[in-house]
Amino acid sequence: MMMFQPTTSSFNSSSRHPSMFFLLGIPGMEDSYHWIAIPFCLMYIGALLGNLGVLFLIVTNCSLHEPMYIFLSMLSVTDLLLPSCTLPKALGIFWFNARSITFHACLTQMFFIHSIYCLESAILVAMAYDRYVAICDPLRYALKFTNTFIRKIAIFGLIRGLSVVAPCIYLLHRLPYCNNNIVPHSYCEHMGIARLACADVTVNIFFGLIAAIVVLGLDVGLVVVSYFLILRAVLNMNSLQALKKTFSTCASHICVITLFYVPALFSFLAHRFGRHIPLYVHVTVANLYFLVPSTLNPVIYSVSTKKIRQCVLKLLQ
């Protein structure tokens, strides 16, 4: 394993911050970097092509200019941005040993990663609410889901993400880092950077925990409540045709939600309670929970959503 020793050039003499951080990639897997990079790169290309394809279909087909598909287009934008914040740097480490990143670039990367993640979580909650109203209160659906309401949801999700992440960045910026600038990760992650500080990081840990509970805990709770109410309404339906239609409509969204939240919850819990889990497992899962949903979401919606499937077939013909 190649080890980096901090040098005097890595630290700014007039500041408590290192001028550079060095990202190790996936510690313990250095001999396999070239092979690991191949599936990562293929999935990233698939995520770019798939989400750009979904955006193209929604923009160019008037039949898809409905609230459900507008939310899906928002999801595709976040699925383009999220892996683009992490994968190019990770591939640079795997293939070209490009491990260095400036202190401010590191904080900028972290800011965009967590802000976009919060925004995507808000979009998934909005999609769950969209399905709830469409199934449980269909007569008021058109009145509730206007363009103004959808715009407000997008703005709220963006503001929430910025307001949650900005204090984390400030708390990291105020810490002294002494001679610690080796990051055992492939991108800049909040607690990974906080643990490098030569000062008490209790406030960072506490705020990170509160932020995770507010975002992940609240959003997962809202999604669960929405689908509980949907399930209750579905079980009261007497029509088998209506049951099938409801399940086919919700199945794709449930798959997307599972792909998005389960790896994130695993990573969050492993960081705080999984002391005996190998570091390479932590880092690999942390990379995959940005990459796998972004790659599979377009496939899931293209296969399981009738209108999108029809548009794809029409385009191919």
C-alpha atoms as a PDB file:
ATOM      1  CA  MET A   1       0.000   0.000   0.000  1.00  0.00           C
ATOM      2  CA  MET A   2       1.376   3.405  -0.945  1.00  0.00           C
ATOM      3  CA  MET A   3       1.535   5.722   2.037  1.00  0.00           C
ATOM      4  CA  PHE A   4       1.615   9.512   1.834  1.00  0.00           C
ATOM      5  CA  GLN A   5       3.702  11.504   4.239  1.00  0.00           C
ATOM      6  CA  PRO A   6       2.625  15.115   4.780  1.00  0.00           C
ATOM      7  CA  THR A   7       5.197  17.592   3.537  1.00  0.00           C
ATOM      8  CA  THR A   8       5.717  21.211   4.411  1.00  0.00           C
ATOM      9  CA  SER A   9       4.357  22.147   1.003  1.00  0.00           C
ATOM     10  CA  SER A  10       1.076  20.423   1.908  1.00  0.00           C
ATOM     11  CA  PHE A  11       0.362  22.958   4.648  1.00  0.00           C
ATOM     12  CA  ASN A  12      -0.142  26.679   4.564  1.00  0.00           C
ATOM     13  CA  SER A  13       2.098  28.241   7.191  1.00  0.00           C
ATOM     14  CA  SER A  14      -0.359  31.111   7.731  1.00  0.00           C
ATOM     15  CA  SER A  15      -3.358  28.805   8.148  1.00  0.00           C
ATOM     16  CA  ARG A  16      -4.467  25.829  10.198  1.00  0.00           C
ATOM     17  CA  HIS A  17      -5.681  24.140   7.006  1.00  0.00           C
ATOM     18  CA  PRO A  18      -3.642  21.898   4.694  1.00  0.00           C
ATOM     19  CA  SER A  19      -3.307  23.265   1.182  1.00  0.00           C
ATOM     20  CA  MET A  20      -3.853  19.710  -0.095  1.00  0.00           C
ATOM     21  CA  PHE A  21      -5.629  16.548   0.947  1.00  0.00           C
ATOM     22  CA  PHE A  22      -4.579  13.155  -0.427  1.00  0.00           C
ATOM     23  CA  LEU A  23      -7.393  10.706  -1.198  1.00  0.00           C
ATOM     24  CA  LEU A  24      -6.380   7.055  -0.852  1.00  0.00           C
ATOM     25  CA  GLY A  25      -9.275   5.643  -2.896  1.00  0.00           C
ATOM     26  CA  ILE A  26     -10.327   2.279  -1.423  1.00  0.00           C
ATOM     27  CA  PRO A  27      -7.736   1.392   1.251  1.00  0.00           C
ATOM     28  CA  GLY A  28      -6.638  -2.242   1.066  1.00  0.00           C
ATOM     29  CA  MET A  29      -7.661  -2.692  -2.580  1.00  0.00           C
ATOM     30  CA  GLU A  30      -4.772  -0.827  -4.249  1.00  0.00           C
ATOM     31  CA  ASP A  31      -3.624  -3.860  -6.289  1.00  0.00           C
ATOM     32  CA  SER A  32      -7.050  -4.122  -7.921  1.00  0.00           C
ATOM     33  CA  TYR A  33      -7.629  -0.453  -8.748  1.00  0.00           C
ATOM     34  CA  HIS A  34      -7.396  -0.884 -12.522  1.00  0.00           C
ATOM     35  CA  TRP A  35      -9.966  -3.687 -12.441  1.00  0.00           C
ATOM     36  CA  ILE A  36     -12.265  -1.945  -9.948  1.00  0.00           C
ATOM     37  CA  ALA A  37     -12.311   1.144 -12.168  1.00  0.00           C
ATOM     38  CA  ILE A  38     -13.767  -0.750 -15.147  1.00  0.00           C
ATOM     39  CA  PRO A  39     -17.231  -1.560 -13.669  1.00  0.00           C
ATOM     40  CA  PHE A  40     -17.290   1.853 -11.968  1.00  0.00           C
ATOM     41  CA  CYS A  41     -16.633   3.562 -15.298  1.00  0.00           C
ATOM     42  CA  LEU A  42     -19.207   1.428 -17.168  1.00  0.00           C
ATOM     43  CA  MET A  43     -21.880   2.152 -14.559  1.00  0.00           C
ATOM     44  CA  TYR A  44     -21.073   5.866 -14.696  1.00  0.00           C
ATOM     45  CA  ILE A  45     -21.406   5.913 -18.497  1.00  0.00           C
ATOM     46  CA  GLY A  46     -24.669   3.970 -18.152  1.00  0.00           C
ATOM     47  CA  ALA A  47     -25.947   6.517 -15.608  1.00  0.00           C
ATOM     48  CA  LEU A  48     -25.115   9.426 -17.922  1.00  0.00           C
ATOM     49  CA  LEU A  49     -26.668   7.865 -21.022  1.00  0.00           C
ATOM     50  CA  GLY A  50     -29.731   6.500 -19.208  1.00  0.00           C
ATOM     51  CA  ASN A  51     -30.637   9.717 -17.397  1.00  0.00           C
ATOM     52  CA  LEU A  52     -29.965  11.895 -20.437  1.00  0.00           C
ATOM     53  CA  GLY A  53     -32.231   9.540 -22.401  1.00  0.00           C
ATOM     54  CA  VAL A  54     -35.037   9.854 -19.834  1.00  0.00           C
ATOM     55  CA  LEU A  55     -34.701  13.657 -19.858  1.00  0.00           C
ATOM     56  CA  PHE A  56     -34.816  13.690 -23.663  1.00  0.00           C
ATOM     57  CA  LEU A  57     -37.986  11.574 -23.736  1.00  0.00           C
ATOM     58  CA  ILE A  58     -39.773  13.714 -21.140  1.00  0.00           C
ATOM     59  CA  VAL A  59     -38.804  17.028 -22.755  1.00  0.00           C
ATOM     60  CA  THR A  60     -39.703  15.991 -26.313  1.00  0.00           C
ATOM     61  CA  ASN A  61     -42.979  14.139 -25.609  1.00  0.00           C
ATOM     62  CA  CYS A  62     -45.973  16.265 -24.657  1.00  0.00           C
ATOM     63  CA  SER A  63     -47.752  13.198 -23.263  1.00  0.00           C
ATOM     64  CA  LEU A  64     -45.084  13.051 -20.527  1.00  0.00           C
ATOM     65  CA  HIS A  65     -45.573  16.651 -19.372  1.00  0.00           C
ATOM     66  CA  GLU A  66     -47.397  15.497 -16.246  1.00  0.00           C
ATOM     67  CA  PRO A  67     -46.425  15.912 -12.564  1.00  0.00           C
ATOM     68  CA  MET A  68     -45.205  12.319 -12.181  1.00  0.00           C
ATOM     69  CA  TYR A  69     -42.826  12.668 -15.138  1.00  0.00           C
ATOM     70  CA  ILE A  70     -41.732  16.175 -14.174  1.00  0.00           C
ATOM     71  CA  PHE A  71     -40.607  14.730 -10.830  1.00  0.00           C
ATOM     72  CA  LEU A  72     -38.890  11.931 -12.738  1.00  0.00           C
ATOM     73  CA  SER A  73     -37.027  14.500 -14.846  1.00  0.00           C
ATOM     74  CA  MET A  74     -35.869  16.215 -11.625  1.00  0.00           C
ATOM     75  CA  LEU A  75     -34.702  12.826 -10.344  1.00  0.00           C
ATOM     76  CA  SER A  76     -32.763  12.273 -13.563  1.00  0.00           C
ATOM     77  CA  VAL A  77     -30.995  15.639 -13.147  1.00  0.00           C
ATOM     78  CA  THR A  78     -29.876  14.746  -9.610  1.00  0.00           C
ATOM     79  CA  ASP A  79     -28.852  11.276 -10.847  1.00  0.00           C
ATOM     80  CA  LEU A  80     -26.632  12.983 -13.415  1.00  0.00           C
ATOM     81  CA  LEU A  81     -25.067  15.359 -10.906  1.00  0.00           C
ATOM     82  CA  LEU A  82     -24.528  13.067  -7.918  1.00  0.00           C
ATOM     83  CA  PRO A  83     -22.132  10.503  -9.461  1.00  0.00           C
ATOM     84  CA  SER A  84     -20.478  13.325 -11.442  1.00  0.00           C
ATOM     85  CA  CYS A  85     -19.376  14.840  -8.123  1.00  0.00           C
ATOM     86  CA  THR A  86     -17.517  11.687  -7.060  1.00  0.00           C
ATOM     87  CA  LEU A  87     -16.745   9.295  -9.937  1.00  0.00           C
ATOM     88  CA  PRO A  88     -14.377  11.417 -12.078  1.00  0.00           C
ATOM     89  CA  LYS A  89     -12.062  11.928  -9.093  1.00  0.00           C
ATOM     90  CA  ALA A  90     -12.342   8.265  -8.061  1.00  0.00           C
ATOM     91  CA  LEU A  91     -11.462   7.123 -11.580  1.00  0.00           C
ATOM     92  CA  GLY A  92      -8.533   9.554 -11.567  1.00  0.00           C
ATOM     93  CA  ILE A  93      -7.253   7.856  -8.408  1.00  0.00           C
ATOM     94  CA  PHE A  94      -7.787   4.334  -9.746  1.00  0.00           C
ATOM     95  CA  TRP A  95      -6.223   4.872 -13.163  1.00  0.00           C
ATOM     96  CA  PHE A  96      -3.808   7.802 -12.867  1.00  0.00           C
ATOM     97  CA  ASN A  97      -2.955   7.908  -9.134  1.00  0.00           C
ATOM     98  CA  ALA A  98      -4.313  11.498  -9.080  1.00  0.00           C
ATOM     99  CA  ARG A  99      -4.860  11.577  -5.326  1.00  0.00           C
ATOM    100  CA  SER A 100      -4.364  15.237  -4.442  1.00  0.00           C
ATOM    101  CA  ILE A 101      -7.232  17.692  -3.984  1.00  0.00           C
ATOM    102  CA  THR A 102      -7.012  21.202  -2.574  1.00  0.00           C
ATOM    103  CA  PHE A 103      -8.617  21.964   0.771  1.00  0.00           C
ATOM    104  CA  HIS A 104     -11.265  24.291  -0.693  1.00  0.00           C
ATOM    105  CA  ALA A 105     -11.965  21.958  -3.631  1.00  0.00           C
ATOM    106  CA  CYS A 106     -12.518  19.185  -1.087  1.00  0.00           C
ATOM    107  CA  LEU A 107     -15.071  21.270   0.840  1.00  0.00           C
ATOM    108  CA  THR A 108     -16.733  22.309  -2.435  1.00  0.00           C
ATOM    109  CA  GLN A 109     -17.057  18.682  -3.524  1.00  0.00           C
ATOM    110  CA  MET A 110     -18.525  17.776  -0.146  1.00  0.00           C
ATOM    111  CA  PHE A 111     -20.984  20.681  -0.327  1.00  0.00           C
ATOM    112  CA  PHE A 112     -22.348  19.605  -3.709  1.00  0.00           C
ATOM    113  CA  ILE A 113     -22.473  15.887  -2.826  1.00  0.00           C
ATOM    114  CA  HIS A 114     -24.538  16.336   0.318  1.00  0.00           C
ATOM    115  CA  SER A 115     -26.719  19.163  -1.073  1.00  0.00           C
ATOM    116  CA  ILE A 116     -27.684  17.153  -4.160  1.00  0.00           C
ATOM    117  CA  TYR A 117     -28.287  14.066  -2.032  1.00  0.00           C
ATOM    118  CA  CYS A 118     -30.697  16.028   0.196  1.00  0.00           C
ATOM    119  CA  LEU A 119     -32.442  17.400  -2.896  1.00  0.00           C
ATOM    120  CA  GLU A 120     -32.865  13.917  -4.392  1.00  0.00           C
ATOM    121  CA  SER A 121     -34.309  12.657  -1.113  1.00  0.00           C
ATOM    122  CA  ALA A 122     -36.854  15.504  -1.169  1.00  0.00           C
ATOM    123  CA  ILE A 123     -37.804  14.605  -4.759  1.00  0.00           C
ATOM    124  CA  LEU A 124     -38.422  10.974  -3.766  1.00  0.00           C
ATOM    125  CA  VAL A 125     -40.698  12.146  -0.936  1.00  0.00           C
ATOM    126  CA  ALA A 126     -42.582  14.371  -3.405  1.00  0.00           C
ATOM    127  CA  MET A 127     -42.972  11.399  -5.774  1.00  0.00           C
ATOM    128  CA  ALA A 128     -44.378   9.284  -2.936  1.00  0.00           C
ATOM    129  CA  TYR A 129     -46.866  12.056  -2.102  1.00  0.00           C
ATOM    130  CA  ASP A 130     -47.724  12.319  -5.798  1.00  0.00           C
ATOM    131  CA  ARG A 131     -48.618   8.605  -5.887  1.00  0.00           C
ATOM    132  CA  TYR A 132     -50.600   8.922  -2.637  1.00  0.00           C
ATOM    133  CA  VAL A 133     -52.780  11.751  -3.985  1.00  0.00           C
ATOM    134  CA  ALA A 134     -53.178  10.074  -7.400  1.00  0.00           C
ATOM    135  CA  ILE A 135     -54.459   6.860  -5.777  1.00  0.00           C
ATOM    136  CA  CYS A 136     -56.186   8.008  -2.577  1.00  0.00           C
ATOM    137  CA  ASP A 137     -57.550  11.410  -3.666  1.00  0.00           C
ATOM    138  CA  PRO A 138     -57.632  11.369  -7.490  1.00  0.00           C
ATOM    139  CA  LEU A 139     -60.360  14.022  -7.847  1.00  0.00           C
ATOM    140  CA  ARG A 140     -58.122  16.667  -6.253  1.00  0.00           C
ATOM    141  CA  TYR A 141     -54.915  15.573  -7.990  1.00  0.00           C
ATOM    142  CA  ALA A 142     -55.040  18.166 -10.768  1.00  0.00           C
ATOM    143  CA  LEU A 143     -55.845  20.932  -8.262  1.00  0.00           C
ATOM    144  CA  LYS A 144     -52.932  20.048  -5.964  1.00  0.00           C
ATOM    145  CA  PHE A 145     -50.154  19.242  -8.415  1.00  0.00           C
ATOM    146  CA  THR A 146     -49.962  22.448 -10.381  1.00  0.00           C
ATOM    147  CA  ASN A 147     -46.754  23.758 -11.942  1.00  0.00           C
ATOM    148  CA  THR A 148     -46.509  26.323  -9.133  1.00  0.00           C
ATOM    149  CA  PHE A 149     -46.742  23.602  -6.474  1.00  0.00           C
ATOM    150  CA  ILE A 150     -44.086  21.486  -8.216  1.00  0.00           C
ATOM    151  CA  ARG A 151     -41.816  24.532  -8.488  1.00  0.00           C
ATOM    152  CA  LYS A 152     -42.244  25.221  -4.764  1.00  0.00           C
ATOM    153  CA  ILE A 153     -41.299  21.623  -3.924  1.00  0.00           C
ATOM    154  CA  ALA A 154     -38.117  21.918  -6.009  1.00  0.00           C
ATOM    155  CA  ILE A 155     -37.174  25.237  -4.383  1.00  0.00           C
ATOM    156  CA  PHE A 156     -37.905  23.884  -0.901  1.00  0.00           C
ATOM    157  CA  GLY A 157     -35.753  20.786  -1.542  1.00  0.00           C
ATOM    158  CA  LEU A 158     -32.883  22.937  -2.783  1.00  0.00           C
ATOM    159  CA  ILE A 159     -33.081  25.401   0.137  1.00  0.00           C
ATOM    160  CA  ARG A 160     -33.319  22.568   2.657  1.00  0.00           C
ATOM    161  CA  GLY A 161     -30.226  20.893   1.221  1.00  0.00           C
ATOM    162  CA  LEU A 162     -28.218  24.119   1.275  1.00  0.00           C
ATOM    163  CA  SER A 163     -29.317  25.032   4.806  1.00  0.00           C
ATOM    164  CA  VAL A 164     -28.419  21.582   6.185  1.00  0.00           C
ATOM    165  CA  VAL A 165     -25.050  21.254   4.441  1.00  0.00           C
ATOM    166  CA  ALA A 166     -23.712  24.821   4.775  1.00  0.00           C
ATOM    167  CA  PRO A 167     -23.248  24.580   8.593  1.00  0.00           C
ATOM    168  CA  CYS A 168     -21.360  21.273   8.141  1.00  0.00           C
ATOM    169  CA  ILE A 169     -18.933  22.998   5.772  1.00  0.00           C
ATOM    170  CA  TYR A 170     -18.491  25.912   8.191  1.00  0.00           C
ATOM    171  CA  LEU A 171     -17.832  23.543  11.112  1.00  0.00           C
ATOM    172  CA  LEU A 172     -15.152  21.751   9.094  1.00  0.00           C
ATOM    173  CA  HIS A 173     -13.560  25.011   7.951  1.00  0.00           C
ATOM    174  CA  ARG A 174     -13.103  26.228  11.521  1.00  0.00           C
ATOM    175  CA  LEU A 175     -11.146  23.119  12.604  1.00  0.00           C
ATOM    176  CA  PRO A 176      -7.324  22.913  12.738  1.00  0.00           C
ATOM    177  CA  TYR A 177      -5.833  19.942  10.880  1.00  0.00           C
ATOM    178  CA  CYS A 178      -2.192  20.077  12.053  1.00  0.00           C
ATOM    179  CA  ASN A 179      -0.285  17.506   9.963  1.00  0.00           C
ATOM    180  CA  ASN A 180      -3.227  15.302   9.008  1.00  0.00           C
ATOM    181  CA  ASN A 181      -4.104  15.383   5.315  1.00  0.00           C
ATOM    182  CA  ILE A 182      -4.480  11.714   4.334  1.00  0.00           C
ATOM    183  CA  VAL A 183      -8.128  10.846   3.588  1.00  0.00           C
ATOM    184  CA  PRO A 184      -8.898   7.080   3.544  1.00  0.00           C
ATOM    185  CA  HIS A 185     -11.627   7.553   0.964  1.00  0.00           C
ATOM    186  CA  SER A 186     -12.119   8.218  -2.744  1.00  0.00           C
ATOM    187  CA  TYR A 187     -13.980  11.506  -2.199  1.00  0.00           C
ATOM    188  CA  CYS A 188     -14.367  14.132   0.520  1.00  0.00           C
ATOM    189  CA  GLU A 189     -16.930  12.958   3.045  1.00  0.00           C
ATOM    190  CA  HIS A 190     -18.028  14.898   6.128  1.00  0.00           C
ATOM    191  CA  MET A 191     -16.965  12.594   8.955  1.00  0.00           C
ATOM    192  CA  GLY A 192     -13.921  11.362   7.044  1.00  0.00           C
ATOM    193  CA  ILE A 193     -12.557  14.922   6.968  1.00  0.00           C
ATOM    194  CA  ALA A 194     -13.712  15.795  10.504  1.00  0.00           C
ATOM    195  CA  ARG A 195     -11.743  12.873  11.960  1.00  0.00           C
ATOM    196  CA  LEU A 196      -8.512  14.333  10.536  1.00  0.00           C
ATOM    197  CA  ALA A 197      -8.798  17.425  12.752  1.00  0.00           C
ATOM    198  CA  CYS A 198      -6.516  17.772  15.778  1.00  0.00           C
ATOM    199  CA  ALA A 199      -9.344  19.244  17.888  1.00  0.00           C
ATOM    200  CA  ASP A 200     -12.588  18.201  19.501  1.00  0.00           C
ATOM    201  CA  VAL A 201     -15.097  17.266  16.774  1.00  0.00           C
ATOM    202  CA  THR A 202     -18.053  16.531  19.086  1.00  0.00           C
ATOM    203  CA  VAL A 203     -20.040  19.402  17.553  1.00  0.00           C
ATOM    204  CA  ASN A 204     -19.396  18.032  14.042  1.00  0.00           C
ATOM    205  CA  ILE A 205     -20.481  14.534  15.066  1.00  0.00           C
ATOM    206  CA  PHE A 206     -23.589  15.855  16.814  1.00  0.00           C
ATOM    207  CA  PHE A 207     -24.597  18.138  13.935  1.00  0.00           C
ATOM    208  CA  GLY A 208     -23.951  15.392  11.362  1.00  0.00           C
ATOM    209  CA  LEU A 209     -26.168  13.030  13.349  1.00  0.00           C
ATOM    210  CA  ILE A 210     -28.948  15.617  13.659  1.00  0.00           C
ATOM    211  CA  ALA A 211     -28.728  16.439   9.940  1.00  0.00           C
ATOM    212  CA  ALA A 212     -28.947  12.746   9.013  1.00  0.00           C
ATOM    213  CA  ILE A 213     -31.966  12.245  11.287  1.00  0.00           C
ATOM    214  CA  VAL A 214     -33.700  15.356   9.941  1.00  0.00           C
ATOM    215  CA  VAL A 215     -33.099  14.461   6.290  1.00  0.00           C
ATOM    216  CA  LEU A 216     -32.948  10.660   6.104  1.00  0.00           C
ATOM    217  CA  GLY A 217     -35.141   9.920   9.133  1.00  0.00           C
ATOM    218  CA  LEU A 218     -37.882  12.409   8.260  1.00  0.00           C
ATOM    219  CA  ASP A 219     -37.907  11.574   4.546  1.00  0.00           C
ATOM    220  CA  VAL A 220     -37.972   7.807   5.080  1.00  0.00           C
ATOM    221  CA  GLY A 221     -40.778   8.276   7.614  1.00  0.00           C
ATOM    222  CA  LEU A 222     -42.849  10.346   5.169  1.00  0.00           C
ATOM    223  CA  VAL A 223     -42.321   7.808   2.386  1.00  0.00           C
ATOM    224  CA  VAL A 224     -43.343   4.923   4.680  1.00  0.00           C
ATOM    225  CA  VAL A 225     -46.494   6.783   5.788  1.00  0.00           C
ATOM    226  CA  SER A 226     -47.417   7.580   2.158  1.00  0.00           C
ATOM    227  CA  TYR A 227     -47.109   3.949   1.083  1.00  0.00           C
ATOM    228  CA  PHE A 228     -48.897   2.682   4.178  1.00  0.00           C
ATOM    229  CA  LEU A 229     -51.886   4.863   3.246  1.00  0.00           C
ATOM    230  CA  ILE A 230     -51.605   3.729  -0.383  1.00  0.00           C
ATOM    231  CA  LEU A 231     -51.515   0.067   0.698  1.00  0.00           C
ATOM    232  CA  ARG A 232     -54.565   0.578   2.895  1.00  0.00           C
ATOM    233  CA  ALA A 233     -56.457   2.177   0.014  1.00  0.00           C
ATOM    234  CA  VAL A 234     -55.377  -0.572  -2.386  1.00  0.00           C
ATOM    235  CA  LEU A 235     -56.564  -3.343  -0.070  1.00  0.00           C
ATOM    236  CA  ASN A 236     -60.007  -1.701   0.040  1.00  0.00           C
ATOM    237  CA  MET A 237     -60.316  -1.787  -3.761  1.00  0.00           C
ATOM    238  CA  ASN A 238     -62.743  -4.335  -5.146  1.00  0.00           C
ATOM    239  CA  SER A 239     -61.471  -4.236  -8.712  1.00  0.00           C
ATOM    240  CA  LEU A 240     -58.625  -6.602  -9.605  1.00  0.00           C
ATOM    241  CA  GLN A 241     -57.802  -4.379 -12.587  1.00  0.00           C
ATOM    242  CA  ALA A 242     -57.439  -1.350 -10.295  1.00  0.00           C
ATOM    243  CA  LEU A 243     -55.187  -3.363  -7.960  1.00  0.00           C
ATOM    244  CA  LYS A 244     -52.885  -4.381 -10.807  1.00  0.00           C
ATOM    245  CA  LYS A 245     -52.714  -0.830 -12.148  1.00  0.00           C
ATOM    246  CA  THR A 246     -51.890   0.588  -8.710  1.00  0.00           C
ATOM    247  CA  PHE A 247     -49.141  -1.926  -8.029  1.00  0.00           C
ATOM    248  CA  SER A 248     -47.601  -1.431 -11.480  1.00  0.00           C
ATOM    249  CA  THR A 249     -47.630   2.346 -10.950  1.00  0.00           C
ATOM    250  CA  CYS A 250     -45.965   2.164  -7.532  1.00  0.00           C
ATOM    251  CA  ALA A 251     -43.571  -0.751  -8.100  1.00  0.00           C
ATOM    252  CA  SER A 252     -40.943   1.289  -9.940  1.00  0.00           C
ATOM    253  CA  HIS A 253     -40.935   4.034  -7.308  1.00  0.00           C
ATOM    254  CA  ILE A 254     -40.612   1.509  -4.466  1.00  0.00           C
ATOM    255  CA  CYS A 255     -37.580  -0.058  -6.203  1.00  0.00           C
ATOM    256  CA  VAL A 256     -35.973   3.371  -6.650  1.00  0.00           C
ATOM    257  CA  ILE A 257     -36.607   4.303  -3.002  1.00  0.00           C
ATOM    258  CA  THR A 258     -35.089   1.016  -1.816  1.00  0.00           C
ATOM    259  CA  LEU A 259     -31.987   1.500  -3.972  1.00  0.00           C
ATOM    260  CA  PHE A 260     -31.562   5.055  -2.697  1.00  0.00           C
ATOM    261  CA  TYR A 261     -32.124   4.706   1.050  1.00  0.00           C
ATOM    262  CA  VAL A 262     -30.922   1.210   2.008  1.00  0.00           C
ATOM    263  CA  PRO A 263     -27.221   1.636   1.039  1.00  0.00           C
ATOM    264  CA  ALA A 264     -27.206   5.143   2.562  1.00  0.00           C
ATOM    265  CA  LEU A 265     -28.633   3.861   5.850  1.00  0.00           C
ATOM    266  CA  PHE A 266     -26.106   1.013   5.866  1.00  0.00           C
ATOM    267  CA  SER A 267     -23.240   3.445   5.312  1.00  0.00           C
ATOM    268  CA  PHE A 268     -24.531   5.838   7.978  1.00  0.00           C
ATOM    269  CA  LEU A 269     -24.947   3.080  10.592  1.00  0.00           C
ATOM    270  CA  ALA A 270     -21.626   1.445   9.677  1.00  0.00           C
ATOM    271  CA  HIS A 271     -19.791   4.752  10.192  1.00  0.00           C
ATOM    272  CA  ARG A 272     -21.127   5.075  13.722  1.00  0.00           C
ATOM    273  CA  PHE A 273     -21.561   1.505  14.951  1.00  0.00           C
ATOM    274  CA  GLY A 274     -19.688  -0.795  12.549  1.00  0.00           C
ATOM    275  CA  ARG A 275     -16.201  -0.507  14.039  1.00  0.00           C
ATOM    276  CA  HIS A 276     -15.387  -4.075  13.014  1.00  0.00           C
ATOM    277  CA  ILE A 277     -16.470  -3.682   9.378  1.00  0.00           C
ATOM    278  CA  PRO A 278     -13.364  -3.428   7.118  1.00  0.00           C
ATOM    279  CA  LEU A 279     -12.623   0.068   5.818  1.00  0.00           C
ATOM    280  CA  TYR A 280     -12.679  -1.049   2.183  1.00  0.00           C
ATOM    281  CA  VAL A 281     -16.313  -2.189   2.676  1.00  0.00           C
ATOM    282  CA  HIS A 282     -17.271   1.253   4.053  1.00  0.00           C
ATOM    283  CA  VAL A 283     -15.660   3.075   1.132  1.00  0.00           C
ATOM    284  CA  THR A 284     -16.944   0.703  -1.561  1.00  0.00           C
ATOM    285  CA  VAL A 285     -20.551   0.973  -0.306  1.00  0.00           C
ATOM    286  CA  ALA A 286     -20.167   4.772  -0.026  1.00  0.00           C
ATOM    287  CA  ASN A 287     -19.201   4.884  -3.725  1.00  0.00           C
ATOM    288  CA  LEU A 288     -21.923   2.490  -4.814  1.00  0.00           C
ATOM    289  CA  TYR A 289     -24.809   4.261  -3.071  1.00  0.00           C
ATOM    290  CA  PHE A 290     -24.209   7.256  -5.343  1.00  0.00           C
ATOM    291  CA  LEU A 291     -23.585   5.199  -8.467  1.00  0.00           C
ATOM    292  CA  VAL A 292     -25.949   2.206  -8.461  1.00  0.00           C
ATOM    293  CA  PRO A 293     -29.275   4.113  -8.067  1.00  0.00           C
ATOM    294  CA  SER A 294     -28.235   6.619 -10.744  1.00  0.00           C
ATOM    295  CA  THR A 295     -27.455   3.727 -13.129  1.00  0.00           C
ATOM    296  CA  LEU A 296     -30.535   1.612 -12.450  1.00  0.00           C
ATOM    297  CA  ASN A 297     -33.229   4.290 -12.049  1.00  0.00           C
ATOM    298  CA  PRO A 298     -33.604   4.958 -15.812  1.00  0.00           C
ATOM    299  CA  VAL A 299     -33.761   1.203 -16.473  1.00  0.00           C
ATOM    300  CA  ILE A 300     -36.407   0.658 -13.786  1.00  0.00           C
ATOM    301  CA  TYR A 301     -38.636   3.481 -15.022  1.00  0.00           C
ATOM    302  CA  SER A 302     -38.159   2.592 -18.698  1.00  0.00           C
ATOM    303  CA  VAL A 303     -39.158  -1.030 -18.112  1.00  0.00           C
ATOM    304  CA  SER A 304     -41.983  -0.584 -15.592  1.00  0.00           C
ATOM    305  CA  THR A 305     -43.613   2.704 -16.690  1.00  0.00           C
ATOM    306  CA  LYS A 306     -45.964   2.123 -19.613  1.00  0.00           C
ATOM    307  CA  LYS A 307     -45.834   5.616 -21.138  1.00  0.00           C
ATOM    308  CA  ILE A 308     -42.039   5.788 -21.066  1.00  0.00           C
ATOM    309  CA  ARG A 309     -41.801   2.262 -22.477  1.00  0.00           C
ATOM    310  CA  GLN A 310     -44.123   3.257 -25.325  1.00  0.00           C
ATOM    311  CA  CYS A 311     -42.073   6.392 -26.028  1.00  0.00           C
ATOM    312  CA  VAL A 312     -38.871   4.326 -26.127  1.00  0.00           C
ATOM    313  CA  LEU A 313     -40.396   1.820 -28.539  1.00  0.00           C
ATOM    314  CA  LYS A 314     -41.745   4.634 -30.718  1.00  0.00           C
ATOM    315  CA  LEU A 315     -38.333   6.279 -30.795  1.00  0.00           C
ATOM    316  CA  LEU A 316     -36.620   2.989 -31.759  1.00  0.00           C
ATOM    317  CA  GLN A 317     -39.139   2.392 -34.527  1.00  0.00           C
END
